[in-house]
């Protein structure tokens, strides 16, 4: 639908100024207009905005779970294993409801986390 509207708009623009403007410029404007419509359609089709929102929501939930663990760990450092065990069902539920990431993104994030940890503890 967006594609056809763009073609119609471009055609109208072209007929209004066909004699006064450079034909190359008209073709360039038409190409840019059609390209923008196609890219907007692809962005809508793949749902990048929705996926970004899902990842943002999941990050907030993981952050809340991390803070909960840290607070309980401060109160009882010797019971870290028990604390993790009590948080495991919530963690598993969060894993099931969160969007997946690609292996490449995971590996890159893991590498950065290891580098930061090495810098902190060395």
PDB file of N, CA and C in Angstrom:
ATOM      1  N   UNK A   1       0.814  -1.182   0.000  1.00  0.00           N
ATOM      2  CA  UNK A   1       0.000   0.000   0.000  1.00  0.00           C
ATOM      3  C   UNK A   1       0.868   1.261   0.000  1.00  0.00           C
ATOM      4  N   UNK A   2       1.855   1.270   0.863  1.00  0.00           N
ATOM      5  CA  UNK A   2       2.760   2.418   0.927  1.00  0.00           C
ATOM      6  C   UNK A   2       3.488   2.577  -0.399  1.00  0.00           C
ATOM      7  N   UNK A   3       3.827   1.460  -1.006  1.00  0.00           N
ATOM      8  CA  UNK A   3       4.540   1.481  -2.283  1.00  0.00           C
ATOM      9  C   UNK A   3       3.717   2.184  -3.360  1.00  0.00           C
ATOM     10  N   UNK A   4       2.443   1.834  -3.458  1.00  0.00           N
ATOM     11  CA  UNK A   4       1.588   2.431  -4.482  1.00  0.00           C
ATOM     12  C   UNK A   4       1.354   3.919  -4.220  1.00  0.00           C
ATOM     13  N   UNK A   5       1.201   4.284  -2.965  1.00  0.00           N
ATOM     14  CA  UNK A   5       1.016   5.692  -2.626  1.00  0.00           C
ATOM     15  C   UNK A   5       2.251   6.503  -3.007  1.00  0.00           C
ATOM     16  N   UNK A   6       3.420   5.926  -2.800  1.00  0.00           N
ATOM     17  CA  UNK A   6       4.656   6.613  -3.151  1.00  0.00           C
ATOM     18  C   UNK A   6       4.779   6.788  -4.658  1.00  0.00           C
ATOM     19  N   UNK A   7       4.433   5.755  -5.393  1.00  0.00           N
ATOM     20  CA  UNK A   7       4.491   5.851  -6.855  1.00  0.00           C
ATOM     21  C   UNK A   7       3.533   6.937  -7.346  1.00  0.00           C
ATOM     22  N   UNK A   8       2.346   6.951  -6.770  1.00  0.00           N
ATOM     23  CA  UNK A   8       1.371   7.968  -7.183  1.00  0.00           C
ATOM     24  C   UNK A   8       1.878   9.373  -6.858  1.00  0.00           C
ATOM     25  N   UNK A   9       2.447   9.550  -5.686  1.00  0.00           N
ATOM     26  CA  UNK A   9       2.988  10.851  -5.304  1.00  0.00           C
ATOM     27  C   UNK A   9       4.139  11.269  -6.188  1.00  0.00           C
ATOM     28  N   UNK A  10       4.979  10.337  -6.510  1.00  0.00           N
ATOM     29  CA  UNK A  10       6.119  10.629  -7.384  1.00  0.00           C
ATOM     30  C   UNK A  10       5.650  10.980  -8.789  1.00  0.00           C
ATOM     31  N   UNK A  11       4.679  10.237  -9.268  1.00  0.00           N
ATOM     32  CA  UNK A  11       4.155  10.515 -10.610  1.00  0.00           C
ATOM     33  C   UNK A  11       3.514  11.900 -10.663  1.00  0.00           C
ATOM     34  N   UNK A  12       2.790  12.246  -9.626  1.00  0.00           N
ATOM     35  CA  UNK A  12       2.171  13.572  -9.567  1.00  0.00           C
ATOM     36  C   UNK A  12       3.231  14.657  -9.560  1.00  0.00           C
ATOM     37  N   UNK A  13       4.250  14.465  -8.731  1.00  0.00           N
ATOM     38  CA  UNK A  13       5.338  15.434  -8.664  1.00  0.00           C
ATOM     39  C   UNK A  13       6.016  15.557 -10.020  1.00  0.00           C
ATOM     40  N   UNK A  14       6.205  14.441 -10.676  1.00  0.00           N
ATOM     41  CA  UNK A  14       6.874  14.438 -11.978  1.00  0.00           C
ATOM     42  C   UNK A  14       6.071  15.137 -13.052  1.00  0.00           C
ATOM     43  N   UNK A  15       4.758  14.957 -13.033  1.00  0.00           N
ATOM     44  CA  UNK A  15       3.951  15.598 -14.065  1.00  0.00           C
ATOM     45  C   UNK A  15       3.811  17.094 -13.829  1.00  0.00           C
ATOM     46  N   UNK A  16       3.874  17.516 -12.575  1.00  0.00           N
ATOM     47  CA  UNK A  16       3.749  18.946 -12.280  1.00  0.00           C
ATOM     48  C   UNK A  16       4.960  19.733 -12.771  1.00  0.00           C
ATOM     49  N   UNK A  17       6.123  19.132 -12.726  1.00  0.00           N
ATOM     50  CA  UNK A  17       7.331  19.871 -13.063  1.00  0.00           C
ATOM     51  C   UNK A  17       8.137  19.188 -14.165  1.00  0.00           C
ATOM     52  N   UNK A  18       7.495  18.437 -15.010  1.00  0.00           N
ATOM     53  CA  UNK A  18       8.209  17.669 -16.026  1.00  0.00           C
ATOM     54  C   UNK A  18       8.986  18.554 -16.993  1.00  0.00           C
ATOM     55  N   UNK A  19       8.472  19.673 -17.336  1.00  0.00           N
ATOM     56  CA  UNK A  19       9.152  20.517 -18.314  1.00  0.00           C
ATOM     57  C   UNK A  19      10.168  21.443 -17.672  1.00  0.00           C
ATOM     58  N   UNK A  20       9.966  21.810 -16.424  1.00  0.00           N
ATOM     59  CA  UNK A  20      10.809  22.819 -15.791  1.00  0.00           C
ATOM     60  C   UNK A  20      12.060  22.243 -15.141  1.00  0.00           C
ATOM     61  N   UNK A  21      12.041  20.997 -14.767  1.00  0.00           N
ATOM     62  CA  UNK A  21      13.146  20.444 -13.981  1.00  0.00           C
ATOM     63  C   UNK A  21      14.000  19.495 -14.807  1.00  0.00           C
ATOM     64  N   UNK A  22      15.150  19.229 -14.289  1.00  0.00           N
ATOM     65  CA  UNK A  22      16.081  18.282 -14.879  1.00  0.00           C
ATOM     66  C   UNK A  22      15.499  16.873 -14.725  1.00  0.00           C
ATOM     67  N   UNK A  23      15.504  16.070 -15.777  1.00  0.00           N
ATOM     68  CA  UNK A  23      14.939  14.725 -15.722  1.00  0.00           C
ATOM     69  C   UNK A  23      15.731  13.825 -14.769  1.00  0.00           C
ATOM     70  N   UNK A  24      17.034  14.031 -14.710  1.00  0.00           N
ATOM     71  CA  UNK A  24      17.841  13.248 -13.767  1.00  0.00           C
ATOM     72  C   UNK A  24      17.405  13.513 -12.339  1.00  0.00           C
ATOM     73  N   UNK A  25      17.158  14.756 -12.011  1.00  0.00           N
ATOM     74  CA  UNK A  25      16.716  15.118 -10.665  1.00  0.00           C
ATOM     75  C   UNK A  25      15.364  14.483 -10.354  1.00  0.00           C
ATOM     76  N   UNK A  26      14.464  14.494 -11.314  1.00  0.00           N
ATOM     77  CA  UNK A  26      13.157  13.867 -11.108  1.00  0.00           C
ATOM     78  C   UNK A  26      13.296  12.367 -10.875  1.00  0.00           C
ATOM     79  N   UNK A  27      14.160  11.717 -11.642  1.00  0.00           N
ATOM     80  CA  UNK A  27      14.390  10.283 -11.445  1.00  0.00           C
ATOM     81  C   UNK A  27      14.999  10.009 -10.076  1.00  0.00           C
ATOM     82  N   UNK A  28      15.935  10.854  -9.667  1.00  0.00           N
ATOM     83  CA  UNK A  28      16.568  10.682  -8.361  1.00  0.00           C
ATOM     84  C   UNK A  28      15.550  10.839  -7.237  1.00  0.00           C
ATOM     85  N   UNK A  29      14.716  11.855  -7.324  1.00  0.00           N
ATOM     86  CA  UNK A  29      13.692  12.067  -6.302  1.00  0.00           C
ATOM     87  C   UNK A  29      12.706  10.898  -6.284  1.00  0.00           C
ATOM     88  N   UNK A  30      12.320  10.429  -7.438  1.00  0.00           N
ATOM     89  CA  UNK A  30      11.423   9.278  -7.510  1.00  0.00           C
ATOM     90  C   UNK A  30      12.044   8.033  -6.911  1.00  0.00           C
ATOM     91  N   UNK A  31      13.317   7.797  -7.216  1.00  0.00           N
ATOM     92  CA  UNK A  31      14.020   6.636  -6.671  1.00  0.00           C
ATOM     93  C   UNK A  31      14.118   6.721  -5.148  1.00  0.00           C
ATOM     94  N   UNK A  32      14.467   7.879  -4.629  1.00  0.00           N
ATOM     95  CA  UNK A  32      14.578   8.054  -3.175  1.00  0.00           C
ATOM     96  C   UNK A  32      13.218   7.850  -2.518  1.00  0.00           C
ATOM     97  N   UNK A  33      12.194   8.372  -3.121  1.00  0.00           N
ATOM     98  CA  UNK A  33      10.845   8.234  -2.572  1.00  0.00           C
ATOM     99  C   UNK A  33      10.408   6.777  -2.532  1.00  0.00           C
ATOM    100  N   UNK A  34      10.627   6.064  -3.621  1.00  0.00           N
ATOM    101  CA  UNK A  34      10.262   4.646  -3.666  1.00  0.00           C
ATOM    102  C   UNK A  34      11.124   3.839  -2.697  1.00  0.00           C
ATOM    103  N   UNK A  35      12.405   4.137  -2.632  1.00  0.00           N
ATOM    104  CA  UNK A  35      13.295   3.431  -1.699  1.00  0.00           C
ATOM    105  C   UNK A  35      12.848   3.634  -0.261  1.00  0.00           C
ATOM    106  N   UNK A  36      12.471   4.856   0.081  1.00  0.00           N
ATOM    107  CA  UNK A  36      12.012   5.139   1.443  1.00  0.00           C
ATOM    108  C   UNK A  36      10.757   4.341   1.768  1.00  0.00           C
ATOM    109  N   UNK A  37       9.850   4.250   0.820  1.00  0.00           N
ATOM    110  CA  UNK A  37       8.619   3.494   1.054  1.00  0.00           C
ATOM    111  C   UNK A  37       8.908   2.005   1.223  1.00  0.00           C
ATOM    112  N   UNK A  38       9.790   1.471   0.392  1.00  0.00           N
ATOM    113  CA  UNK A  38      10.130   0.053   0.487  1.00  0.00           C
ATOM    114  C   UNK A  38      10.820  -0.237   1.818  1.00  0.00           C
ATOM    115  N   UNK A  39      11.746   0.606   2.207  1.00  0.00           N
ATOM    116  CA  UNK A  39      12.438   0.399   3.490  1.00  0.00           C
ATOM    117  C   UNK A  39      11.480   0.526   4.676  1.00  0.00           C
ATOM    118  N   UNK A  40      10.550   1.469   4.616  1.00  0.00           N
ATOM    119  CA  UNK A  40       9.560   1.611   5.685  1.00  0.00           C
ATOM    120  C   UNK A  40       8.678   0.367   5.750  1.00  0.00           C
ATOM    121  N   UNK A  41       8.312  -0.160   4.588  1.00  0.00           N
ATOM    122  CA  UNK A  41       7.519  -1.384   4.558  1.00  0.00           C
ATOM    123  C   UNK A  41       8.265  -2.565   5.141  1.00  0.00           C
ATOM    124  N   UNK A  42       9.543  -2.682   4.810  1.00  0.00           N
ATOM    125  CA  UNK A  42      10.355  -3.770   5.368  1.00  0.00           C
ATOM    126  C   UNK A  42      10.496  -3.639   6.881  1.00  0.00           C
ATOM    127  N   UNK A  43      10.690  -2.411   7.337  1.00  0.00           N
ATOM    128  CA  UNK A  43      10.821  -2.182   8.777  1.00  0.00           C
ATOM    129  C   UNK A  43       9.534  -2.587   9.498  1.00  0.00           C
ATOM    130  N   UNK A  44       8.403  -2.263   8.912  1.00  0.00           N
ATOM    131  CA  UNK A  44       7.127  -2.656   9.497  1.00  0.00           C
ATOM    132  C   UNK A  44       6.954  -4.167   9.446  1.00  0.00           C
ATOM    133  N   UNK A  45       7.306  -4.772   8.326  1.00  0.00           N
ATOM    134  CA  UNK A  45       7.149  -6.216   8.156  1.00  0.00           C
ATOM    135  C   UNK A  45       7.985  -6.991   9.169  1.00  0.00           C
ATOM    136  N   UNK A  46       9.235  -6.592   9.363  1.00  0.00           N
ATOM    137  CA  UNK A  46      10.110  -7.318  10.279  1.00  0.00           C
ATOM    138  C   UNK A  46       9.863  -6.964  11.743  1.00  0.00           C
ATOM    139  N   UNK A  47       9.149  -5.897  12.022  1.00  0.00           N
ATOM    140  CA  UNK A  47       8.754  -5.559  13.385  1.00  0.00           C
ATOM    141  C   UNK A  47       9.915  -5.180  14.292  1.00  0.00           C
ATOM    142  N   UNK A  48      10.851  -4.393  13.777  1.00  0.00           N
ATOM    143  CA  UNK A  48      12.008  -4.016  14.584  1.00  0.00           C
ATOM    144  C   UNK A  48      11.618  -3.236  15.837  1.00  0.00           C
ATOM    145  N   UNK A  49      10.652  -2.339  15.720  1.00  0.00           N
ATOM    146  CA  UNK A  49      10.246  -1.532  16.871  1.00  0.00           C
ATOM    147  C   UNK A  49       9.638  -2.410  17.967  1.00  0.00           C
ATOM    148  N   UNK A  50       8.800  -3.350  17.561  1.00  0.00           N
ATOM    149  CA  UNK A  50       8.199  -4.257  18.536  1.00  0.00           C
ATOM    150  C   UNK A  50       9.258  -5.125  19.208  1.00  0.00           C
ATOM    151  N   UNK A  51      10.191  -5.629  18.421  1.00  0.00           N
ATOM    152  CA  UNK A  51      11.246  -6.474  18.993  1.00  0.00           C
ATOM    153  C   UNK A  51      12.121  -5.679  19.949  1.00  0.00           C
ATOM    154  N   UNK A  52      12.439  -4.443  19.606  1.00  0.00           N
ATOM    155  CA  UNK A  52      13.231  -3.603  20.500  1.00  0.00           C
ATOM    156  C   UNK A  52      12.500  -3.372  21.806  1.00  0.00           C
ATOM    157  N   UNK A  53      11.198  -3.168  21.744  1.00  0.00           N
ATOM    158  CA  UNK A  53      10.408  -2.961  22.964  1.00  0.00           C
ATOM    159  C   UNK A  53      10.396  -4.220  23.828  1.00  0.00           C
ATOM    160  N   UNK A  54      10.286  -5.392  23.191  1.00  0.00           N
ATOM    161  CA  UNK A  54      10.324  -6.655  23.939  1.00  0.00           C
ATOM    162  C   UNK A  54      11.674  -6.838  24.634  1.00  0.00           C
ATOM    163  N   UNK A  55      12.750  -6.510  23.931  1.00  0.00           N
ATOM    164  CA  UNK A  55      14.080  -6.630  24.539  1.00  0.00           C
ATOM    165  C   UNK A  55      14.245  -5.635  25.691  1.00  0.00           C
ATOM    166  N   UNK A  56      13.723  -4.442  25.528  1.00  0.00           N
ATOM    167  CA  UNK A  56      13.808  -3.435  26.584  1.00  0.00           C
ATOM    168  C   UNK A  56      13.045  -3.891  27.829  1.00  0.00           C
ATOM    169  N   UNK A  57      11.865  -4.450  27.636  1.00  0.00           N
ATOM    170  CA  UNK A  57      11.078  -4.955  28.754  1.00  0.00           C
ATOM    171  C   UNK A  57      11.802  -6.106  29.451  1.00  0.00           C
ATOM    172  N   UNK A  58      12.350  -7.019  28.663  1.00  0.00           N
ATOM    173  CA  UNK A  58      13.077  -8.155  29.244  1.00  0.00           C
ATOM    174  C   UNK A  58      14.301  -7.666  30.012  1.00  0.00           C
ATOM    175  N   UNK A  59      15.016  -6.686  29.481  1.00  0.00           N
ATOM    176  CA  UNK A  59      16.190  -6.154  30.180  1.00  0.00           C
ATOM    177  C   UNK A  59      15.801  -5.564  31.525  1.00  0.00           C
ATOM    178  N   UNK A  60      14.672  -4.868  31.572  1.00  0.00           N
ATOM    179  CA  UNK A  60      14.198  -4.316  32.837  1.00  0.00           C
ATOM    180  C   UNK A  60      13.872  -5.409  33.844  1.00  0.00           C
ATOM    181  N   UNK A  61      13.258  -6.482  33.383  1.00  0.00           N
ATOM    182  CA  UNK A  61      12.911  -7.590  34.281  1.00  0.00           C
ATOM    183  C   UNK A  61      14.163  -8.321  34.777  1.00  0.00           C
ATOM    184  N   UNK A  62      15.129  -8.519  33.887  1.00  0.00           N
ATOM    185  CA  UNK A  62      16.384  -9.136  34.320  1.00  0.00           C
ATOM    186  C   UNK A  62      17.113  -8.240  35.313  1.00  0.00           C
ATOM    187  N   UNK A  63      17.080  -6.938  35.097  1.00  0.00           N
ATOM    188  CA  UNK A  63      17.700  -6.000  36.021  1.00  0.00           C
ATOM    189  C   UNK A  63      17.046  -6.055  37.390  1.00  0.00           C
ATOM    190  N   UNK A  64      15.723  -6.137  37.406  1.00  0.00           N
ATOM    191  CA  UNK A  64      15.008  -6.238  38.679  1.00  0.00           C
ATOM    192  C   UNK A  64      15.385  -7.533  39.401  1.00  0.00           C
ATOM    193  N   UNK A  65      15.489  -8.635  38.662  1.00  0.00           N
ATOM    194  CA  UNK A  65      15.875  -9.917  39.261  1.00  0.00           C
ATOM    195  C   UNK A  65      17.303  -9.848  39.799  1.00  0.00           C
ATOM    196  N   UNK A  66      18.196  -9.196  39.060  1.00  0.00           N
ATOM    197  CA  UNK A  66      19.580  -9.039  39.529  1.00  0.00           C
ATOM    198  C   UNK A  66      19.642  -8.224  40.814  1.00  0.00           C
ATOM    199  N   UNK A  67      18.888  -7.124  40.863  1.00  0.00           N
ATOM    200  CA  UNK A  67      18.883  -6.289  42.072  1.00  0.00           C
ATOM    201  C   UNK A  67      18.316  -7.051  43.262  1.00  0.00           C
ATOM    202  N   UNK A  68      17.290  -7.860  43.009  1.00  0.00           N
ATOM    203  CA  UNK A  68      16.704  -8.679  44.077  1.00  0.00           C
ATOM    204  C   UNK A  68      17.745  -9.655  44.623  1.00  0.00           C
ATOM    205  N   UNK A  69      18.492 -10.291  43.728  1.00  0.00           N
ATOM    206  CA  UNK A  69      19.551 -11.209  44.149  1.00  0.00           C
ATOM    207  C   UNK A  69      20.624 -10.477  44.947  1.00  0.00           C
ATOM    208  N   UNK A  70      21.048  -9.314  44.452  1.00  0.00           N
ATOM    209  CA  UNK A  70      22.084  -8.543  45.151  1.00  0.00           C
ATOM    210  C   UNK A  70      21.632  -8.122  46.544  1.00  0.00           C
ATOM    211  N   UNK A  71      20.377  -7.708  46.687  1.00  0.00           N
ATOM    212  CA  UNK A  71      19.868  -7.298  47.997  1.00  0.00           C
ATOM    213  C   UNK A  71      19.847  -8.469  48.966  1.00  0.00           C
ATOM    214  N   UNK A  72      19.385  -9.613  48.509  1.00  0.00           N
ATOM    215  CA  UNK A  72      19.348 -10.785  49.375  1.00  0.00           C
ATOM    216  C   UNK A  72      20.753 -11.281  49.691  1.00  0.00           C
ATOM    217  N   UNK A  73      21.662 -11.148  48.748  1.00  0.00           N
ATOM    218  CA  UNK A  73      23.042 -11.582  48.967  1.00  0.00           C
ATOM    219  C   UNK A  73      23.737 -10.707  50.009  1.00  0.00           C
ATOM    220  N   UNK A  74      23.427  -9.419  50.027  1.00  0.00           N
ATOM    221  CA  UNK A  74      24.010  -8.514  51.017  1.00  0.00           C
ATOM    222  C   UNK A  74      23.540  -8.898  52.423  1.00  0.00           C
ATOM    223  N   UNK A  75      22.274  -9.299  52.531  1.00  0.00           N
ATOM    224  CA  UNK A  75      21.730  -9.661  53.844  1.00  0.00           C
ATOM    225  C   UNK A  75      22.239 -11.013  54.342  1.00  0.00           C
ATOM    226  N   UNK A  76      22.514 -11.928  53.423  1.00  0.00           N
ATOM    227  CA  UNK A  76      22.972 -13.267  53.816  1.00  0.00           C
ATOM    228  C   UNK A  76      23.977 -13.786  52.803  1.00  0.00           C
ATOM    229  N   UNK A  77      25.226 -13.286  52.845  1.00  0.00           N
ATOM    230  CA  UNK A  77      26.213 -13.705  51.846  1.00  0.00           C
ATOM    231  C   UNK A  77      26.541 -15.200  51.873  1.00  0.00           C
ATOM    232  N   UNK A  78      26.413 -15.827  53.017  1.00  0.00           N
ATOM    233  CA  UNK A  78      26.760 -17.251  53.110  1.00  0.00           C
ATOM    234  C   UNK A  78      25.692 -18.151  52.488  1.00  0.00           C
ATOM    235  N   UNK A  79      24.536 -17.590  52.149  1.00  0.00           N
ATOM    236  CA  UNK A  79      23.451 -18.396  51.596  1.00  0.00           C
ATOM    237  C   UNK A  79      23.235 -18.118  50.111  1.00  0.00           C
ATOM    238  N   UNK A  80      24.302 -17.838  49.381  1.00  0.00           N
ATOM    239  CA  UNK A  80      24.189 -17.497  47.955  1.00  0.00           C
ATOM    240  C   UNK A  80      23.520 -18.611  47.165  1.00  0.00           C
ATOM    241  N   UNK A  81      23.890 -19.865  47.423  1.00  0.00           N
ATOM    242  CA  UNK A  81      23.310 -20.991  46.685  1.00  0.00           C
ATOM    243  C   UNK A  81      21.814 -21.109  46.963  1.00  0.00           C
ATOM    244  N   UNK A  82      21.424 -20.912  48.221  1.00  0.00           N
ATOM    245  CA  UNK A  82      19.997 -20.981  48.568  1.00  0.00           C
ATOM    246  C   UNK A  82      19.216 -19.832  47.934  1.00  0.00           C
ATOM    247  N   UNK A  83      19.833 -18.668  47.887  1.00  0.00           N
ATOM    248  CA  UNK A  83      19.180 -17.508  47.278  1.00  0.00           C
ATOM    249  C   UNK A  83      18.961 -17.766  45.792  1.00  0.00           C
ATOM    250  N   UNK A  84      20.000 -18.257  45.107  1.00  0.00           N
ATOM    251  CA  UNK A  84      19.862 -18.579  43.683  1.00  0.00           C
ATOM    252  C   UNK A  84      18.787 -19.637  43.446  1.00  0.00           C
ATOM    253  N   UNK A  85      18.758 -20.622  44.335  1.00  0.00           N
ATOM    254  CA  UNK A  85      17.763 -21.680  44.207  1.00  0.00           C
ATOM    255  C   UNK A  85      16.351 -21.126  44.357  1.00  0.00           C
ATOM    256  N   UNK A  86      16.164 -20.190  45.269  1.00  0.00           N
ATOM    257  CA  UNK A  86      14.831 -19.606  45.464  1.00  0.00           C
ATOM    258  C   UNK A  86      14.423 -18.702  44.294  1.00  0.00           C
ATOM    259  N   UNK A  87      15.403 -18.096  43.636  1.00  0.00           N
ATOM    260  CA  UNK A  87      15.106 -17.214  42.506  1.00  0.00           C
ATOM    261  C   UNK A  87      15.009 -17.965  41.178  1.00  0.00           C
ATOM    262  N   UNK A  88      15.402 -19.232  41.163  1.00  0.00           N
ATOM    263  CA  UNK A  88      15.452 -20.000  39.911  1.00  0.00           C
ATOM    264  C   UNK A  88      14.107 -20.073  39.179  1.00  0.00           C
ATOM    265  N   UNK A  89      12.973 -20.325  39.874  1.00  0.00           N
ATOM    266  CA  UNK A  89      11.693 -20.365  39.137  1.00  0.00           C
ATOM    267  C   UNK A  89      11.365 -19.041  38.437  1.00  0.00           C
ATOM    268  N   UNK A  90      11.628 -17.923  39.106  1.00  0.00           N
ATOM    269  CA  UNK A  90      11.387 -16.618  38.500  1.00  0.00           C
ATOM    270  C   UNK A  90      12.317 -16.406  37.301  1.00  0.00           C
ATOM    271  N   UNK A  91      13.557 -16.836  37.436  1.00  0.00           N
ATOM    272  CA  UNK A  91      14.533 -16.722  36.356  1.00  0.00           C
ATOM    273  C   UNK A  91      14.098 -17.564  35.149  1.00  0.00           C
ATOM    274  N   UNK A  92      13.661 -18.807  35.413  1.00  0.00           N
ATOM    275  CA  UNK A  92      13.218 -19.682  34.328  1.00  0.00           C
ATOM    276  C   UNK A  92      12.000 -19.103  33.603  1.00  0.00           C
ATOM    277  N   UNK A  93      11.062 -18.556  34.359  1.00  0.00           N
ATOM    278  CA  UNK A  93       9.874 -17.954  33.758  1.00  0.00           C
ATOM    279  C   UNK A  93      10.272 -16.767  32.882  1.00  0.00           C
ATOM    280  N   UNK A  94      11.212 -15.976  33.365  1.00  0.00           N
ATOM    281  CA  UNK A  94      11.696 -14.829  32.601  1.00  0.00           C
ATOM    282  C   UNK A  94      12.390 -15.288  31.321  1.00  0.00           C
ATOM    283  N   UNK A  95      13.184 -16.344  31.404  1.00  0.00           N
ATOM    284  CA  UNK A  95      13.845 -16.894  30.213  1.00  0.00           C
ATOM    285  C   UNK A  95      12.826 -17.353  29.162  1.00  0.00           C
ATOM    286  N   UNK A  96      11.744 -17.971  29.601  1.00  0.00           N
ATOM    287  CA  UNK A  96      10.732 -18.472  28.671  1.00  0.00           C
ATOM    288  C   UNK A  96       9.999 -17.339  27.957  1.00  0.00           C
ATOM    289  N   UNK A  97       9.776 -16.236  28.660  1.00  0.00           N
ATOM    290  CA  UNK A  97       8.975 -15.145  28.111  1.00  0.00           C
ATOM    291  C   UNK A  97       9.790 -14.060  27.424  1.00  0.00           C
ATOM    292  N   UNK A  98      11.093 -14.169  27.440  1.00  0.00           N
ATOM    293  CA  UNK A  98      11.952 -13.149  26.841  1.00  0.00           C
ATOM    294  C   UNK A  98      12.280 -13.502  25.400  1.00  0.00           C
ATOM    295  N   UNK A  99      12.495 -12.486  24.559  1.00  0.00           N
ATOM    296  CA  UNK A  99      12.871 -12.770  23.168  1.00  0.00           C
ATOM    297  C   UNK A  99      14.276 -13.357  23.088  1.00  0.00           C
ATOM    298  N   UNK A 100      14.497 -14.169  22.084  1.00  0.00           N
ATOM    299  CA  UNK A 100      15.805 -14.783  21.881  1.00  0.00           C
ATOM    300  C   UNK A 100      16.749 -13.811  21.189  1.00  0.00           C
ATOM    301  N   UNK A 101      18.031 -14.043  21.387  1.00  0.00           N
ATOM    302  CA  UNK A 101      19.045 -13.286  20.663  1.00  0.00           C
ATOM    303  C   UNK A 101      19.894 -14.273  19.877  1.00  0.00           C
ATOM    304  N   UNK A 102      20.557 -13.787  18.855  1.00  0.00           N
ATOM    305  CA  UNK A 102      21.370 -14.669  18.030  1.00  0.00           C
ATOM    306  C   UNK A 102      22.619 -15.101  18.787  1.00  0.00           C
ATOM    307  N   UNK A 103      23.196 -16.189  18.340  1.00  0.00           N
ATOM    308  CA  UNK A 103      24.417 -16.714  18.966  1.00  0.00           C
ATOM    309  C   UNK A 103      25.555 -15.709  18.856  1.00  0.00           C
ATOM    310  N   UNK A 104      25.650 -15.012  17.734  1.00  0.00           N
ATOM    311  CA  UNK A 104      26.721 -14.028  17.539  1.00  0.00           C
ATOM    312  C   UNK A 104      26.602 -12.882  18.548  1.00  0.00           C
ATOM    313  N   UNK A 105      25.391 -12.402  18.764  1.00  0.00           N
ATOM    314  CA  UNK A 105      25.182 -11.320  19.734  1.00  0.00           C
ATOM    315  C   UNK A 105      25.509 -11.813  21.140  1.00  0.00           C
ATOM    316  N   UNK A 106      25.100 -13.043  21.453  1.00  0.00           N
ATOM    317  CA  UNK A 106      25.391 -13.619  22.766  1.00  0.00           C
ATOM    318  C   UNK A 106      26.902 -13.734  22.992  1.00  0.00           C
ATOM    319  N   UNK A 107      27.611 -14.261  21.993  1.00  0.00           N
ATOM    320  CA  UNK A 107      29.061 -14.431  22.125  1.00  0.00           C
ATOM    321  C   UNK A 107      29.763 -13.083  22.306  1.00  0.00           C
ATOM    322  N   UNK A 108      29.343 -12.077  21.567  1.00  0.00           N
ATOM    323  CA  UNK A 108      29.938 -10.746  21.677  1.00  0.00           C
ATOM    324  C   UNK A 108      29.693 -10.157  23.067  1.00  0.00           C
ATOM    325  N   UNK A 109      28.484 -10.321  23.583  1.00  0.00           N
ATOM    326  CA  UNK A 109      28.161  -9.816  24.920  1.00  0.00           C
ATOM    327  C   UNK A 109      28.932 -10.571  25.994  1.00  0.00           C
ATOM    328  N   UNK A 110      29.045 -11.879  25.840  1.00  0.00           N
ATOM    329  CA  UNK A 110      29.793 -12.676  26.803  1.00  0.00           C
ATOM    330  C   UNK A 110      31.263 -12.271  26.830  1.00  0.00           C
ATOM    331  N   UNK A 111      31.826 -12.022  25.659  1.00  0.00           N
ATOM    332  CA  UNK A 111      33.226 -11.593  25.575  1.00  0.00           C
ATOM    333  C   UNK A 111      33.431 -10.265  26.295  1.00  0.00           C
ATOM    334  N   UNK A 112      32.518  -9.310  26.064  1.00  0.00           N
ATOM    335  CA  UNK A 112      32.631  -8.012  26.735  1.00  0.00           C
ATOM    336  C   UNK A 112      32.491  -8.160  28.245  1.00  0.00           C
ATOM    337  N   UNK A 113      31.588  -9.036  28.689  1.00  0.00           N
ATOM    338  CA  UNK A 113      31.411  -9.264  30.129  1.00  0.00           C
ATOM    339  C   UNK A 113      32.667  -9.859  30.755  1.00  0.00           C
ATOM    340  N   UNK A 114      33.292 -10.799  30.051  1.00  0.00           N
ATOM    341  CA  UNK A 114      34.537 -11.395  30.562  1.00  0.00           C
ATOM    342  C   UNK A 114      35.661 -10.359  30.623  1.00  0.00           C
ATOM    343  N   UNK A 115      35.723  -9.504  29.607  1.00  0.00           N
ATOM    344  CA  UNK A 115      36.756  -8.457  29.606  1.00  0.00           C
ATOM    345  C   UNK A 115      36.549  -7.481  30.760  1.00  0.00           C
ATOM    346  N   UNK A 116      35.311  -7.099  31.000  1.00  0.00           N
ATOM    347  CA  UNK A 116      35.030  -6.178  32.114  1.00  0.00           C
ATOM    348  C   UNK A 116      35.336  -6.843  33.454  1.00  0.00           C
ATOM    349  N   UNK A 117      34.967  -8.102  33.583  1.00  0.00           N
ATOM    350  CA  UNK A 117      35.251  -8.812  34.834  1.00  0.00           C
ATOM    351  C   UNK A 117      36.749  -8.943  35.060  1.00  0.00           C
ATOM    352  N   UNK A 118      37.480  -9.243  33.996  1.00  0.00           N
ATOM    353  CA  UNK A 118      38.931  -9.356  34.113  1.00  0.00           C
ATOM    354  C   UNK A 118      39.552  -8.029  34.521  1.00  0.00           C
ATOM    355  N   UNK A 119      39.041  -6.932  33.986  1.00  0.00           N
ATOM    356  CA  UNK A 119      39.559  -5.608  34.327  1.00  0.00           C
ATOM    357  C   UNK A 119      39.250  -5.256  35.783  1.00  0.00           C
ATOM    358  N   UNK A 120      38.078  -5.671  36.263  1.00  0.00           N
ATOM    359  CA  UNK A 120      37.698  -5.357  37.637  1.00  0.00           C
ATOM    360  C   UNK A 120      38.501  -6.172  38.647  1.00  0.00           C
ATOM    361  N   UNK A 121      38.668  -7.465  38.356  1.00  0.00           N
ATOM    362  CA  UNK A 121      39.291  -8.368  39.327  1.00  0.00           C
ATOM    363  C   UNK A 121      40.790  -8.551  39.150  1.00  0.00           C
ATOM    364  N   UNK A 122      41.408  -7.795  38.257  1.00  0.00           N
ATOM    365  CA  UNK A 122      42.855  -7.951  38.094  1.00  0.00           C
ATOM    366  C   UNK A 122      43.601  -6.783  38.729  1.00  0.00           C
TER     367      UNK A 122
END
